[in-house]
């Protein structure tokens, strides 16, 4: 059964939606952090984000959509964080940042944009617990699943198998009940608007499993 991670990026009332998510069996809360540089949008500062714990005790997958992950890793390592993921396209030393995450005894992962070749991940595979395949271009919620992502997910699964590694594949972007046949190889499905914009969070979460 797939694990489900709920994103609140497009939430109009974050405390309320986090409280409602906490009453579901969702596995993780997906936290998007944007710096206004790596993508044009910017999310709330850490001083506000750190209050997530007041509304949910679910484990967090923190997705750093930023140029300089090293600024954010120590902050988000303080929270109830399962895994910190940053982009393979970011400008800092990738292995150094993966090791920084692991130094906090937190799982680490890399995210990869739709136009980045899967084989760019190869040097980092031995370090990774998770790979986040972006099935939209990051920065905005509510986008449609890019259909080429299906082949990218399969290619990544074969790559992981070929190295005999145990790395989870998380798919993020346009995930709803209409794309389930395209994300068969994924271990975690990250969904935002499909869950958050519905009247029944649990029903939508269950439909993705």
N, C-alpha and C. Protein backbone atom coordinates (compact mmCIF):
# COMPACT_ATOMS: atom_id res chain seq x y z
N UNK A 1 0.83 -1.20 0.00
CA UNK A 1 0.00 0.00 0.00
C UNK A 1 0.87 1.26 0.00
N UNK A 2 0.51 2.21 -0.83
CA UNK A 2 1.31 3.43 -0.93
C UNK A 2 1.13 4.30 0.32
N UNK A 3 2.20 5.01 0.65
CA UNK A 3 2.10 6.01 1.72
C UNK A 3 1.66 7.32 1.08
N UNK A 4 0.91 8.11 1.83
CA UNK A 4 0.38 9.37 1.31
C UNK A 4 0.93 10.53 2.14
N UNK A 5 1.38 11.55 1.42
CA UNK A 5 1.91 12.76 2.04
C UNK A 5 1.06 13.93 1.55
N UNK A 6 0.51 14.70 2.48
CA UNK A 6 -0.40 15.79 2.11
C UNK A 6 0.33 17.14 2.15
N UNK A 7 0.22 17.88 1.06
CA UNK A 7 0.82 19.22 0.98
C UNK A 7 -0.24 20.27 1.28
N UNK A 8 0.13 21.27 2.09
CA UNK A 8 -0.81 22.35 2.41
C UNK A 8 -0.42 23.66 1.71
N UNK A 9 0.38 23.54 0.63
CA UNK A 9 0.88 24.72 -0.08
C UNK A 9 -0.25 25.67 -0.50
N UNK A 10 -1.37 25.12 -0.95
CA UNK A 10 -2.47 25.96 -1.44
C UNK A 10 -3.59 26.14 -0.41
N UNK A 11 -3.31 25.83 0.83
CA UNK A 11 -4.32 25.97 1.87
C UNK A 11 -4.67 27.44 2.11
N UNK A 12 -5.96 27.69 2.28
CA UNK A 12 -6.42 29.06 2.61
C UNK A 12 -6.46 29.27 4.13
N UNK A 13 -6.43 28.16 4.87
CA UNK A 13 -6.46 28.22 6.33
C UNK A 13 -5.59 27.09 6.87
N UNK A 14 -4.30 27.37 6.97
CA UNK A 14 -3.32 26.32 7.32
C UNK A 14 -3.61 25.67 8.67
N UNK A 15 -3.84 26.44 9.76
CA UNK A 15 -4.12 25.76 11.04
C UNK A 15 -5.31 24.81 10.97
N UNK A 16 -6.38 25.25 10.32
CA UNK A 16 -7.57 24.41 10.21
C UNK A 16 -7.28 23.15 9.40
N UNK A 17 -6.62 23.32 8.24
CA UNK A 17 -6.36 22.16 7.38
C UNK A 17 -5.37 21.19 8.01
N UNK A 18 -4.38 21.69 8.74
CA UNK A 18 -3.44 20.80 9.43
C UNK A 18 -4.16 20.02 10.53
N UNK A 19 -5.08 20.69 11.22
CA UNK A 19 -5.86 20.02 12.27
C UNK A 19 -6.72 18.92 11.66
N UNK A 20 -7.34 19.22 10.52
CA UNK A 20 -8.18 18.22 9.84
C UNK A 20 -7.33 17.05 9.33
N UNK A 21 -6.14 17.35 8.80
CA UNK A 21 -5.25 16.29 8.33
C UNK A 21 -4.80 15.40 9.48
N UNK A 22 -4.64 16.00 10.64
CA UNK A 22 -4.18 15.24 11.81
C UNK A 22 -5.21 14.19 12.22
N UNK A 23 -6.48 14.43 11.86
CA UNK A 23 -7.55 13.48 12.18
C UNK A 23 -7.72 12.38 11.13
N UNK A 24 -6.87 12.40 10.09
CA UNK A 24 -6.91 11.37 9.05
C UNK A 24 -5.78 10.36 9.29
N UNK A 25 -5.71 9.35 8.41
CA UNK A 25 -4.60 8.39 8.52
C UNK A 25 -3.47 8.73 7.53
N UNK A 26 -3.41 9.99 7.10
CA UNK A 26 -2.32 10.40 6.19
C UNK A 26 -0.97 10.09 6.86
N UNK A 27 0.00 9.66 6.07
CA UNK A 27 1.29 9.23 6.65
C UNK A 27 2.21 10.40 6.99
N UNK A 28 2.23 11.40 6.10
CA UNK A 28 3.15 12.52 6.29
C UNK A 28 2.46 13.84 5.91
N UNK A 29 3.00 14.92 6.46
CA UNK A 29 2.67 16.26 5.98
C UNK A 29 3.86 16.74 5.16
N UNK A 30 3.59 17.16 3.94
CA UNK A 30 4.63 17.63 3.02
C UNK A 30 4.74 19.15 3.18
N UNK A 31 5.92 19.61 3.54
CA UNK A 31 6.14 21.03 3.82
C UNK A 31 7.02 21.63 2.72
N UNK A 32 6.43 22.47 1.87
CA UNK A 32 7.20 23.13 0.81
C UNK A 32 7.80 24.42 1.34
N UNK A 33 9.12 24.56 1.16
CA UNK A 33 9.81 25.79 1.56
C UNK A 33 10.41 26.42 0.31
N UNK A 34 9.97 27.65 -0.01
CA UNK A 34 10.45 28.35 -1.21
C UNK A 34 11.09 29.66 -0.82
N UNK A 35 12.23 29.95 -1.44
CA UNK A 35 13.02 31.12 -1.05
C UNK A 35 12.86 32.34 -1.96
N UNK A 36 12.03 32.21 -3.02
CA UNK A 36 11.88 33.33 -3.96
C UNK A 36 13.05 33.47 -4.92
N UNK A 37 14.01 32.54 -4.85
CA UNK A 37 15.18 32.57 -5.75
C UNK A 37 15.19 31.34 -6.66
N UNK A 38 15.13 30.16 -6.04
CA UNK A 38 15.11 28.92 -6.83
C UNK A 38 13.84 28.87 -7.69
N UNK A 39 12.74 29.30 -7.10
CA UNK A 39 11.49 29.56 -7.84
C UNK A 39 11.02 30.94 -7.41
N UNK A 40 10.10 31.51 -8.19
CA UNK A 40 9.75 32.92 -7.90
C UNK A 40 8.90 33.10 -6.64
N UNK A 41 8.16 32.08 -6.26
CA UNK A 41 7.32 32.21 -5.07
C UNK A 41 8.11 32.03 -3.78
N UNK A 42 7.54 32.53 -2.70
CA UNK A 42 8.20 32.46 -1.40
C UNK A 42 7.17 32.01 -0.37
N UNK A 43 7.58 31.12 0.53
CA UNK A 43 6.66 30.65 1.57
C UNK A 43 6.94 31.37 2.88
N UNK A 44 6.12 31.07 3.88
CA UNK A 44 6.27 31.71 5.20
C UNK A 44 7.67 31.47 5.77
N UNK A 45 8.15 32.41 6.58
CA UNK A 45 9.46 32.20 7.23
C UNK A 45 9.38 31.09 8.28
N UNK A 46 10.55 30.62 8.67
CA UNK A 46 10.61 29.53 9.66
C UNK A 46 9.93 29.92 10.96
N UNK A 47 10.00 31.19 11.32
CA UNK A 47 9.39 31.66 12.58
C UNK A 47 7.89 31.32 12.63
N UNK A 48 7.25 31.24 11.45
CA UNK A 48 5.84 30.83 11.40
C UNK A 48 5.70 29.33 11.14
N UNK A 49 6.54 28.81 10.25
CA UNK A 49 6.46 27.38 9.90
C UNK A 49 6.68 26.47 11.11
N UNK A 50 7.50 26.94 12.05
CA UNK A 50 7.82 26.07 13.18
C UNK A 50 6.59 25.78 14.07
N UNK A 51 5.51 26.54 13.85
CA UNK A 51 4.30 26.33 14.64
C UNK A 51 3.43 25.16 14.14
N UNK A 52 3.89 24.50 13.09
CA UNK A 52 3.14 23.35 12.56
C UNK A 52 2.79 22.36 13.67
N UNK A 53 3.72 22.17 14.61
CA UNK A 53 3.53 21.16 15.66
C UNK A 53 2.28 21.44 16.51
N UNK A 54 1.82 22.69 16.53
CA UNK A 54 0.63 23.02 17.34
C UNK A 54 -0.64 22.39 16.77
N UNK A 55 -0.60 22.05 15.46
CA UNK A 55 -1.81 21.59 14.79
C UNK A 55 -1.75 20.13 14.35
N UNK A 56 -0.55 19.57 14.29
CA UNK A 56 -0.44 18.17 13.87
C UNK A 56 0.78 17.51 14.50
N UNK A 57 0.62 16.22 14.81
CA UNK A 57 1.77 15.44 15.29
C UNK A 57 2.25 14.46 14.22
N UNK A 58 1.75 14.65 12.98
CA UNK A 58 2.22 13.82 11.86
C UNK A 58 3.68 14.15 11.55
N UNK A 59 4.39 13.15 11.09
CA UNK A 59 5.79 13.36 10.67
C UNK A 59 5.82 14.20 9.40
N UNK A 60 6.87 15.00 9.27
CA UNK A 60 6.98 15.94 8.15
C UNK A 60 8.00 15.46 7.11
N UNK A 61 7.66 15.65 5.84
CA UNK A 61 8.66 15.57 4.77
C UNK A 61 8.87 17.00 4.31
N UNK A 62 10.06 17.51 4.55
CA UNK A 62 10.36 18.92 4.25
C UNK A 62 11.04 19.00 2.88
N UNK A 63 10.43 19.75 1.99
CA UNK A 63 10.90 19.89 0.60
C UNK A 63 11.46 21.29 0.44
N UNK A 64 12.79 21.38 0.38
CA UNK A 64 13.47 22.67 0.27
C UNK A 64 13.62 23.05 -1.20
N UNK A 65 12.78 23.98 -1.65
CA UNK A 65 12.83 24.46 -3.04
C UNK A 65 13.62 25.76 -3.00
N UNK A 66 14.91 25.63 -2.70
CA UNK A 66 15.76 26.79 -2.39
C UNK A 66 17.13 26.65 -3.05
N UNK A 67 17.79 27.80 -3.20
CA UNK A 67 19.15 27.81 -3.75
C UNK A 67 20.18 27.26 -2.76
N UNK A 68 20.00 27.63 -1.48
CA UNK A 68 21.01 27.31 -0.46
C UNK A 68 20.42 26.48 0.67
N UNK A 69 20.30 25.16 0.45
CA UNK A 69 19.66 24.30 1.47
C UNK A 69 20.34 24.36 2.83
N UNK A 70 21.64 24.59 2.87
CA UNK A 70 22.37 24.54 4.15
C UNK A 70 21.86 25.57 5.16
N UNK A 71 21.24 26.65 4.67
CA UNK A 71 20.65 27.66 5.56
C UNK A 71 19.42 27.13 6.29
N UNK A 72 18.72 26.21 5.63
CA UNK A 72 17.42 25.76 6.13
C UNK A 72 17.47 24.42 6.85
N UNK A 73 18.43 23.60 6.49
CA UNK A 73 18.49 22.23 7.04
C UNK A 73 18.52 22.23 8.58
N UNK A 74 19.40 23.01 9.23
CA UNK A 74 19.44 22.96 10.71
C UNK A 74 18.13 23.42 11.35
N UNK A 75 17.42 24.35 10.71
CA UNK A 75 16.15 24.84 11.25
C UNK A 75 15.09 23.76 11.22
N UNK A 76 14.90 23.17 10.04
CA UNK A 76 13.82 22.19 9.87
C UNK A 76 14.15 20.85 10.50
N UNK A 77 15.42 20.63 10.81
CA UNK A 77 15.80 19.42 11.55
C UNK A 77 15.27 19.46 12.98
N UNK A 78 14.91 20.65 13.46
CA UNK A 78 14.38 20.81 14.84
C UNK A 78 12.94 20.32 14.96
N UNK A 79 12.24 20.24 13.85
CA UNK A 79 10.81 19.91 13.88
C UNK A 79 10.61 18.39 13.88
N UNK A 80 9.38 17.97 13.79
CA UNK A 80 9.05 16.53 13.80
C UNK A 80 9.26 15.96 12.39
N UNK A 81 10.51 16.03 11.95
CA UNK A 81 10.83 15.79 10.55
C UNK A 81 11.33 14.37 10.31
N UNK A 82 10.67 13.72 9.36
CA UNK A 82 11.05 12.37 8.93
C UNK A 82 12.18 12.42 7.91
N UNK A 83 12.08 13.36 6.97
CA UNK A 83 13.01 13.42 5.86
C UNK A 83 13.12 14.86 5.35
N UNK A 84 14.33 15.29 5.02
CA UNK A 84 14.53 16.59 4.37
C UNK A 84 15.03 16.33 2.95
N UNK A 85 14.34 16.95 2.01
CA UNK A 85 14.63 16.76 0.59
C UNK A 85 15.00 18.12 0.01
N UNK A 86 16.06 18.16 -0.79
CA UNK A 86 16.39 19.40 -1.52
C UNK A 86 16.68 19.04 -2.97
N UNK A 87 16.84 20.06 -3.80
CA UNK A 87 16.92 19.81 -5.24
C UNK A 87 18.33 19.50 -5.71
N UNK A 88 18.41 18.51 -6.60
CA UNK A 88 19.69 18.17 -7.23
C UNK A 88 20.18 19.35 -8.07
N UNK A 89 19.27 20.26 -8.43
CA UNK A 89 19.64 21.45 -9.22
C UNK A 89 20.09 22.62 -8.35
N UNK A 90 20.11 22.45 -7.02
CA UNK A 90 20.51 23.57 -6.14
C UNK A 90 21.99 23.87 -6.30
N UNK A 91 22.42 25.03 -5.80
CA UNK A 91 23.76 25.52 -6.15
C UNK A 91 24.87 25.12 -5.18
N UNK A 92 24.52 24.46 -4.08
CA UNK A 92 25.56 24.11 -3.10
C UNK A 92 26.09 22.69 -3.31
N UNK A 93 27.09 22.35 -2.51
CA UNK A 93 27.69 21.01 -2.54
C UNK A 93 26.65 19.98 -2.06
N UNK A 94 26.23 19.12 -2.96
CA UNK A 94 25.11 18.21 -2.67
C UNK A 94 25.47 17.18 -1.60
N UNK A 95 26.62 16.55 -1.74
CA UNK A 95 27.00 15.51 -0.77
C UNK A 95 27.17 16.12 0.62
N UNK A 96 27.74 17.30 0.67
CA UNK A 96 27.92 17.99 1.96
C UNK A 96 26.56 18.22 2.64
N UNK A 97 25.57 18.63 1.85
CA UNK A 97 24.24 18.88 2.42
C UNK A 97 23.52 17.60 2.81
N UNK A 98 23.71 16.53 2.03
CA UNK A 98 23.12 15.23 2.41
C UNK A 98 23.72 14.76 3.74
N UNK A 99 25.02 14.94 3.88
CA UNK A 99 25.69 14.54 5.13
C UNK A 99 25.25 15.42 6.30
N UNK A 100 24.99 16.70 6.01
CA UNK A 100 24.48 17.62 7.05
C UNK A 100 23.12 17.13 7.56
N UNK A 101 22.24 16.75 6.65
CA UNK A 101 20.93 16.23 7.07
C UNK A 101 21.10 14.98 7.93
N UNK A 102 21.95 14.07 7.47
CA UNK A 102 22.15 12.81 8.21
C UNK A 102 22.76 13.06 9.59
N UNK A 103 23.52 14.15 9.73
CA UNK A 103 24.14 14.46 11.03
C UNK A 103 23.08 14.75 12.10
N UNK A 104 21.85 15.05 11.67
CA UNK A 104 20.74 15.27 12.62
C UNK A 104 19.91 13.99 12.81
N UNK A 105 20.42 12.87 12.30
CA UNK A 105 19.70 11.58 12.36
C UNK A 105 18.33 11.67 11.70
N UNK A 106 18.30 12.35 10.58
CA UNK A 106 17.07 12.51 9.78
C UNK A 106 17.34 11.91 8.41
N UNK A 107 16.30 11.33 7.82
CA UNK A 107 16.46 10.78 6.46
C UNK A 107 16.66 11.93 5.47
N UNK A 108 17.39 11.61 4.38
CA UNK A 108 17.68 12.66 3.41
C UNK A 108 17.23 12.22 2.02
N UNK A 109 16.93 13.21 1.20
CA UNK A 109 16.49 12.91 -0.16
C UNK A 109 16.83 14.03 -1.12
N UNK A 110 16.72 13.70 -2.40
CA UNK A 110 16.90 14.70 -3.45
C UNK A 110 15.62 14.79 -4.28
N UNK A 111 15.30 16.00 -4.68
CA UNK A 111 14.18 16.23 -5.60
C UNK A 111 14.77 16.50 -6.99
N UNK A 112 14.00 16.12 -8.01
CA UNK A 112 14.49 16.30 -9.38
C UNK A 112 13.38 16.91 -10.23
N UNK A 113 13.70 17.99 -10.93
CA UNK A 113 12.74 18.70 -11.77
C UNK A 113 12.41 17.91 -13.04
N UNK A 114 11.27 18.22 -13.67
CA UNK A 114 10.84 17.46 -14.86
C UNK A 114 11.82 17.50 -16.03
N UNK A 115 12.65 18.54 -16.12
CA UNK A 115 13.56 18.65 -17.28
C UNK A 115 15.00 18.25 -16.94
N UNK A 116 15.22 17.68 -15.75
CA UNK A 116 16.56 17.21 -15.36
C UNK A 116 16.65 15.71 -15.62
N UNK A 117 17.76 15.30 -16.21
CA UNK A 117 17.93 13.87 -16.54
C UNK A 117 18.07 13.04 -15.26
N UNK A 118 17.39 11.90 -15.26
CA UNK A 118 17.40 11.00 -14.10
C UNK A 118 18.82 10.58 -13.73
N UNK A 119 19.67 10.39 -14.75
CA UNK A 119 21.03 9.89 -14.44
C UNK A 119 21.89 10.91 -13.69
N UNK A 120 21.43 12.14 -13.55
CA UNK A 120 22.16 13.12 -12.73
C UNK A 120 22.13 12.74 -11.24
N UNK A 121 21.24 11.84 -10.89
CA UNK A 121 21.14 11.39 -9.49
C UNK A 121 22.18 10.33 -9.14
N UNK A 122 22.77 9.70 -10.15
CA UNK A 122 23.62 8.52 -9.92
C UNK A 122 24.71 8.74 -8.87
N UNK A 123 25.47 9.86 -8.90
CA UNK A 123 26.55 10.01 -7.91
C UNK A 123 26.06 10.03 -6.46
N UNK A 124 24.78 10.33 -6.27
CA UNK A 124 24.27 10.55 -4.92
C UNK A 124 23.45 9.38 -4.38
N UNK A 125 23.18 8.39 -5.21
CA UNK A 125 22.30 7.29 -4.82
C UNK A 125 22.69 6.62 -3.49
N UNK A 126 23.98 6.37 -3.23
CA UNK A 126 24.33 5.67 -1.98
C UNK A 126 23.94 6.45 -0.71
N UNK A 127 23.72 7.75 -0.85
CA UNK A 127 23.42 8.59 0.32
C UNK A 127 21.92 8.69 0.60
N UNK A 128 21.09 8.30 -0.36
CA UNK A 128 19.69 8.70 -0.34
C UNK A 128 18.74 7.70 0.31
N UNK A 129 17.76 8.24 1.04
CA UNK A 129 16.64 7.45 1.56
C UNK A 129 15.41 7.61 0.66
N UNK A 130 15.35 8.75 -0.03
CA UNK A 130 14.16 9.08 -0.81
C UNK A 130 14.55 9.92 -2.02
N UNK A 131 13.80 9.76 -3.11
CA UNK A 131 13.92 10.65 -4.27
C UNK A 131 12.53 11.19 -4.58
N UNK A 132 12.44 12.51 -4.66
CA UNK A 132 11.17 13.18 -4.95
C UNK A 132 11.15 13.54 -6.43
N UNK A 133 10.31 12.85 -7.17
CA UNK A 133 10.17 13.12 -8.60
C UNK A 133 9.11 14.20 -8.78
N UNK A 134 9.53 15.35 -9.28
CA UNK A 134 8.56 16.42 -9.54
C UNK A 134 7.82 16.11 -10.84
N UNK A 135 6.50 15.96 -10.73
CA UNK A 135 5.68 15.69 -11.91
C UNK A 135 4.97 16.97 -12.39
N UNK A 136 5.42 18.10 -11.83
CA UNK A 136 5.10 19.45 -12.32
C UNK A 136 6.37 20.27 -12.09
N UNK A 137 6.41 21.48 -12.63
CA UNK A 137 7.54 22.37 -12.30
C UNK A 137 7.25 22.99 -10.94
N UNK A 138 8.22 22.94 -10.01
CA UNK A 138 7.95 23.39 -8.64
C UNK A 138 7.67 24.89 -8.57
N UNK A 139 6.95 25.26 -7.51
CA UNK A 139 6.73 26.68 -7.26
C UNK A 139 5.27 27.05 -7.09
N UNK A 140 4.38 26.25 -7.67
CA UNK A 140 2.95 26.54 -7.55
C UNK A 140 2.15 25.26 -7.42
N UNK A 141 1.11 25.31 -6.58
CA UNK A 141 0.22 24.16 -6.47
C UNK A 141 -0.83 24.20 -7.57
N UNK A 142 -1.58 23.11 -7.67
CA UNK A 142 -2.71 23.08 -8.59
C UNK A 142 -2.38 22.84 -10.05
N UNK A 143 -1.14 22.43 -10.35
CA UNK A 143 -0.76 22.18 -11.74
C UNK A 143 -1.17 20.75 -12.15
N UNK A 144 -1.19 20.53 -13.46
CA UNK A 144 -1.55 19.23 -14.00
C UNK A 144 -0.32 18.32 -14.10
N UNK A 145 -0.52 17.07 -13.79
CA UNK A 145 0.52 16.04 -13.86
C UNK A 145 1.11 15.99 -15.28
N UNK A 146 2.44 16.11 -15.38
CA UNK A 146 3.11 16.04 -16.69
C UNK A 146 3.20 14.57 -17.10
N UNK A 147 2.59 14.23 -18.24
CA UNK A 147 2.43 12.80 -18.55
C UNK A 147 3.75 12.07 -18.77
N UNK A 148 4.80 12.78 -19.19
CA UNK A 148 6.12 12.14 -19.36
C UNK A 148 6.69 11.65 -18.03
N UNK A 149 6.13 12.13 -16.93
CA UNK A 149 6.62 11.73 -15.60
C UNK A 149 6.50 10.22 -15.39
N UNK A 150 5.51 9.60 -16.03
CA UNK A 150 5.31 8.16 -15.87
C UNK A 150 6.57 7.39 -16.26
N UNK A 151 7.15 7.74 -17.42
CA UNK A 151 8.36 7.05 -17.88
C UNK A 151 9.57 7.39 -17.01
N UNK A 152 9.60 8.61 -16.50
CA UNK A 152 10.71 9.01 -15.61
C UNK A 152 10.68 8.21 -14.31
N UNK A 153 9.49 7.99 -13.80
CA UNK A 153 9.36 7.21 -12.56
C UNK A 153 9.83 5.77 -12.80
N UNK A 154 9.44 5.20 -13.94
CA UNK A 154 9.87 3.83 -14.28
C UNK A 154 11.39 3.77 -14.45
N UNK A 155 11.94 4.77 -15.14
CA UNK A 155 13.40 4.82 -15.36
C UNK A 155 14.13 4.90 -14.03
N UNK A 156 13.61 5.70 -13.12
CA UNK A 156 14.24 5.84 -11.80
C UNK A 156 14.15 4.53 -11.02
N UNK A 157 13.01 3.87 -11.08
CA UNK A 157 12.83 2.60 -10.37
C UNK A 157 13.86 1.57 -10.87
N UNK A 158 14.05 1.52 -12.18
CA UNK A 158 15.02 0.57 -12.75
C UNK A 158 16.44 0.92 -12.33
N UNK A 159 16.73 2.21 -12.27
CA UNK A 159 18.06 2.66 -11.85
C UNK A 159 18.33 2.23 -10.40
N UNK A 160 17.36 2.46 -9.53
CA UNK A 160 17.51 2.08 -8.11
C UNK A 160 17.71 0.57 -8.00
N UNK A 161 16.91 -0.19 -8.75
CA UNK A 161 17.02 -1.66 -8.73
C UNK A 161 18.39 -2.12 -9.21
N UNK A 162 18.90 -1.45 -10.25
CA UNK A 162 20.18 -1.86 -10.84
C UNK A 162 21.34 -1.71 -9.85
N UNK A 163 21.18 -0.78 -8.91
CA UNK A 163 22.20 -0.59 -7.87
C UNK A 163 21.87 -1.36 -6.59
N UNK A 164 20.73 -2.08 -6.65
CA UNK A 164 20.30 -2.89 -5.50
C UNK A 164 20.18 -2.06 -4.23
N UNK A 165 19.56 -0.88 -4.37
CA UNK A 165 19.41 0.03 -3.23
C UNK A 165 17.95 0.09 -2.81
N UNK A 166 17.75 0.53 -1.57
CA UNK A 166 16.39 0.64 -1.04
C UNK A 166 16.07 2.13 -0.86
N UNK A 167 15.70 2.78 -1.95
CA UNK A 167 15.39 4.21 -1.94
C UNK A 167 13.92 4.38 -2.30
N UNK A 168 13.19 5.12 -1.48
CA UNK A 168 11.77 5.34 -1.74
C UNK A 168 11.58 6.38 -2.84
N UNK A 169 10.60 6.16 -3.69
CA UNK A 169 10.25 7.15 -4.72
C UNK A 169 8.98 7.87 -4.28
N UNK A 170 9.09 9.18 -4.20
CA UNK A 170 7.97 10.05 -3.82
C UNK A 170 7.63 10.87 -5.07
N UNK A 171 6.36 10.94 -5.43
CA UNK A 171 5.94 11.70 -6.62
C UNK A 171 5.10 12.88 -6.17
N UNK A 172 5.45 14.06 -6.69
CA UNK A 172 4.82 15.31 -6.23
C UNK A 172 4.43 16.17 -7.43
N UNK A 173 3.13 16.44 -7.54
CA UNK A 173 2.67 17.37 -8.58
C UNK A 173 1.51 16.81 -9.37
N UNK A 174 0.34 17.40 -9.22
CA UNK A 174 -0.83 16.97 -9.99
C UNK A 174 -1.32 15.58 -9.63
N UNK A 175 -1.01 15.15 -8.41
CA UNK A 175 -1.39 13.78 -8.00
C UNK A 175 -2.85 13.75 -7.54
N UNK A 176 -3.65 12.95 -8.25
CA UNK A 176 -5.05 12.72 -7.87
C UNK A 176 -5.44 11.31 -8.29
N UNK A 177 -6.70 10.96 -8.15
CA UNK A 177 -7.12 9.58 -8.45
C UNK A 177 -7.08 9.26 -9.94
N UNK A 178 -6.92 10.27 -10.80
CA UNK A 178 -6.89 10.05 -12.26
C UNK A 178 -5.50 9.61 -12.76
N UNK A 179 -4.47 9.80 -11.94
CA UNK A 179 -3.10 9.48 -12.42
C UNK A 179 -2.51 8.24 -11.74
N UNK A 180 -3.33 7.52 -11.02
CA UNK A 180 -2.80 6.37 -10.25
C UNK A 180 -2.13 5.33 -11.14
N UNK A 181 -2.62 5.14 -12.36
CA UNK A 181 -2.02 4.16 -13.26
C UNK A 181 -0.66 4.62 -13.78
N UNK A 182 -0.33 5.90 -13.59
CA UNK A 182 0.96 6.46 -14.06
C UNK A 182 2.01 6.50 -12.96
N UNK A 183 1.61 6.22 -11.73
CA UNK A 183 2.55 6.32 -10.59
C UNK A 183 2.65 4.98 -9.84
N UNK A 184 2.49 3.90 -10.59
CA UNK A 184 2.46 2.56 -9.99
C UNK A 184 3.76 2.26 -9.23
N UNK A 185 4.89 2.74 -9.76
CA UNK A 185 6.20 2.43 -9.16
C UNK A 185 6.54 3.31 -7.96
N UNK A 186 5.70 4.27 -7.65
CA UNK A 186 5.99 5.18 -6.53
C UNK A 186 5.68 4.51 -5.20
N UNK A 187 6.43 4.91 -4.17
CA UNK A 187 6.20 4.42 -2.80
C UNK A 187 5.36 5.41 -1.99
N UNK A 188 5.57 6.70 -2.30
CA UNK A 188 4.85 7.78 -1.60
C UNK A 188 4.21 8.68 -2.64
N UNK A 189 2.97 9.05 -2.43
CA UNK A 189 2.30 10.01 -3.30
C UNK A 189 2.05 11.28 -2.51
N UNK A 190 2.56 12.38 -3.05
CA UNK A 190 2.33 13.69 -2.42
C UNK A 190 1.22 14.40 -3.17
N UNK A 191 0.19 14.78 -2.43
CA UNK A 191 -0.97 15.42 -3.04
C UNK A 191 -1.38 16.64 -2.23
N UNK A 192 -1.69 17.71 -2.95
CA UNK A 192 -2.08 18.95 -2.28
C UNK A 192 -3.53 19.29 -2.52
N UNK A 193 -3.78 19.98 -3.64
CA UNK A 193 -5.13 20.49 -3.93
C UNK A 193 -6.20 19.41 -3.93
N UNK A 194 -5.87 18.23 -4.43
CA UNK A 194 -6.84 17.13 -4.50
C UNK A 194 -7.41 16.82 -3.11
N UNK A 195 -6.55 16.91 -2.09
CA UNK A 195 -6.99 16.66 -0.72
C UNK A 195 -7.55 17.93 -0.08
N UNK A 196 -6.73 19.00 -0.11
CA UNK A 196 -7.03 20.23 0.63
C UNK A 196 -8.31 20.93 0.13
N UNK A 197 -8.56 20.84 -1.18
CA UNK A 197 -9.74 21.52 -1.74
C UNK A 197 -11.01 20.68 -1.67
N UNK A 198 -10.93 19.53 -0.99
CA UNK A 198 -12.09 18.64 -0.93
C UNK A 198 -12.84 18.82 0.38
N UNK A 199 -14.05 18.28 0.44
CA UNK A 199 -14.85 18.35 1.67
C UNK A 199 -14.57 17.18 2.60
N UNK A 200 -13.86 16.17 2.09
CA UNK A 200 -13.59 14.98 2.90
C UNK A 200 -12.14 14.54 2.67
N UNK A 201 -11.26 15.03 3.54
CA UNK A 201 -9.83 14.73 3.39
C UNK A 201 -9.57 13.23 3.40
N UNK A 202 -10.21 12.53 4.36
CA UNK A 202 -9.96 11.09 4.49
C UNK A 202 -10.37 10.32 3.24
N UNK A 203 -11.49 10.68 2.66
CA UNK A 203 -11.95 10.00 1.45
C UNK A 203 -10.91 10.13 0.33
N UNK A 204 -10.37 11.33 0.16
CA UNK A 204 -9.38 11.56 -0.91
C UNK A 204 -8.08 10.81 -0.62
N UNK A 205 -7.65 10.81 0.62
CA UNK A 205 -6.43 10.10 1.01
C UNK A 205 -6.60 8.60 0.73
N UNK A 206 -7.73 8.05 1.14
CA UNK A 206 -8.00 6.62 0.93
C UNK A 206 -8.01 6.29 -0.57
N UNK A 207 -8.55 7.19 -1.38
CA UNK A 207 -8.65 6.93 -2.83
C UNK A 207 -7.28 6.86 -3.50
N UNK A 208 -6.25 7.40 -2.86
CA UNK A 208 -4.89 7.39 -3.44
C UNK A 208 -4.11 6.14 -3.05
N UNK A 209 -4.53 5.45 -2.01
CA UNK A 209 -3.75 4.30 -1.54
C UNK A 209 -3.87 3.17 -2.51
